[in-house]
Amino acid sequence: MLCKEDINECEHHPCEHGGTCRDGINMYTCLCPKDYSGPRCQWDYPPVECTKDVQCANDGICNDGLWGANCTCMPGFTGS
């Protein structure tokens, strides 16, 4: 069995856009702020907001989302 020193990967792979780096054993994870994604929080995805162009039928409720606006359907209806 070999024992090696654990390296702080956060020193070599900093998170972008104010993300918080969590060091692990031979890995790291970035906790990204709102509207950012990716292994290092490098992708900026502003949320798609519900507008007059994004309307839900049959009294569905529009939800703003990181990957696009979507609808929550009322009971008895389906869709997205």
Protein backbone atom coordinates (compact mmCIF):
# COMPACT_ATOMS: atom_id res chain seq x y z
CA MET A 1 0.00 0.00 0.00
CA LEU A 2 1.30 3.45 -0.88
CA CYS A 3 0.67 6.59 1.10
CA LYS A 4 0.76 9.84 -0.84
CA GLU A 5 0.25 13.43 0.15
CA ASP A 6 -3.22 14.74 -0.62
CA ILE A 7 -2.97 17.69 -3.01
CA ASN A 8 -5.35 20.62 -2.72
CA GLU A 9 -6.85 20.59 -6.23
CA CYS A 10 -8.57 23.91 -5.49
CA GLU A 11 -5.19 25.63 -5.74
CA HIS A 12 -4.79 24.45 -9.34
CA HIS A 13 -8.45 24.52 -10.44
CA PRO A 14 -10.01 27.68 -9.03
CA CYS A 15 -13.74 28.19 -9.45
CA GLU A 16 -14.85 31.15 -11.53
CA HIS A 17 -17.49 33.82 -10.91
CA GLY A 18 -17.27 33.61 -7.12
CA GLY A 19 -17.82 29.86 -6.94
CA THR A 20 -16.70 28.03 -3.79
CA CYS A 21 -14.20 25.21 -4.25
CA ARG A 22 -14.50 22.07 -2.11
CA ASP A 23 -11.35 19.96 -2.10
CA GLY A 24 -11.68 16.19 -2.07
CA ILE A 25 -9.33 13.25 -2.41
CA ASN A 26 -7.94 13.44 -5.95
CA MET A 27 -10.84 15.69 -6.97
CA TYR A 28 -12.55 19.02 -6.38
CA THR A 29 -16.08 20.35 -6.70
CA CYS A 30 -17.19 23.90 -7.38
CA LEU A 31 -20.37 25.16 -5.75
CA CYS A 32 -21.57 27.74 -8.25
CA PRO A 33 -23.46 30.95 -7.54
CA LYS A 34 -26.91 31.50 -9.03
CA ASP A 35 -26.96 31.67 -12.84
CA TYR A 36 -23.58 29.89 -13.28
CA SER A 37 -22.83 26.26 -14.06
CA GLY A 38 -20.03 23.96 -15.20
CA PRO A 39 -17.14 22.15 -13.54
CA ARG A 40 -15.53 25.51 -12.66
CA CYS A 41 -18.67 27.73 -12.76
CA GLN A 42 -17.46 29.01 -16.11
CA TRP A 43 -20.81 28.97 -17.93
CA ASP A 44 -23.16 31.90 -17.55
CA TYR A 45 -26.78 30.91 -18.03
CA PRO A 46 -29.12 33.75 -17.16
CA PRO A 47 -32.52 32.36 -16.32
CA VAL A 48 -35.20 32.48 -18.97
CA GLU A 49 -37.99 34.52 -17.46
CA CYS A 50 -41.68 34.11 -17.92
CA THR A 51 -42.91 36.87 -20.22
CA LYS A 52 -45.84 37.51 -22.49
CA ASP A 53 -43.99 35.30 -25.02
CA VAL A 54 -43.89 32.36 -22.58
CA GLN A 55 -47.41 31.68 -21.42
CA CYS A 56 -48.90 28.52 -19.97
CA ALA A 57 -52.24 27.27 -21.26
CA ASN A 58 -55.19 26.24 -19.10
CA ASP A 59 -54.12 28.31 -16.07
CA GLY A 60 -50.72 26.61 -15.81
CA ILE A 61 -48.11 28.41 -13.69
CA CYS A 62 -44.98 29.68 -15.45
CA ASN A 63 -41.66 29.13 -13.64
CA ASP A 64 -38.43 30.98 -14.49
CA GLY A 65 -35.58 28.52 -14.85
CA LEU A 66 -31.87 28.27 -15.49
CA TRP A 67 -32.43 26.15 -18.60
CA GLY A 68 -35.61 27.88 -19.73
CA ALA A 69 -39.05 28.82 -18.56
CA ASN A 70 -41.43 25.93 -17.93
CA CYS A 71 -45.01 25.42 -16.88
CA THR A 72 -46.48 23.64 -13.89
CA CYS A 73 -49.78 22.24 -15.07
CA MET A 74 -53.02 22.27 -13.15
CA PRO A 75 -54.51 18.92 -12.08
CA GLY A 76 -55.91 17.07 -15.07
CA PHE A 77 -53.43 18.66 -17.53
CA THR A 78 -49.98 17.59 -18.73
CA GLY A 79 -47.14 19.30 -20.55
CA SER A 80 -44.08 21.38 -19.79
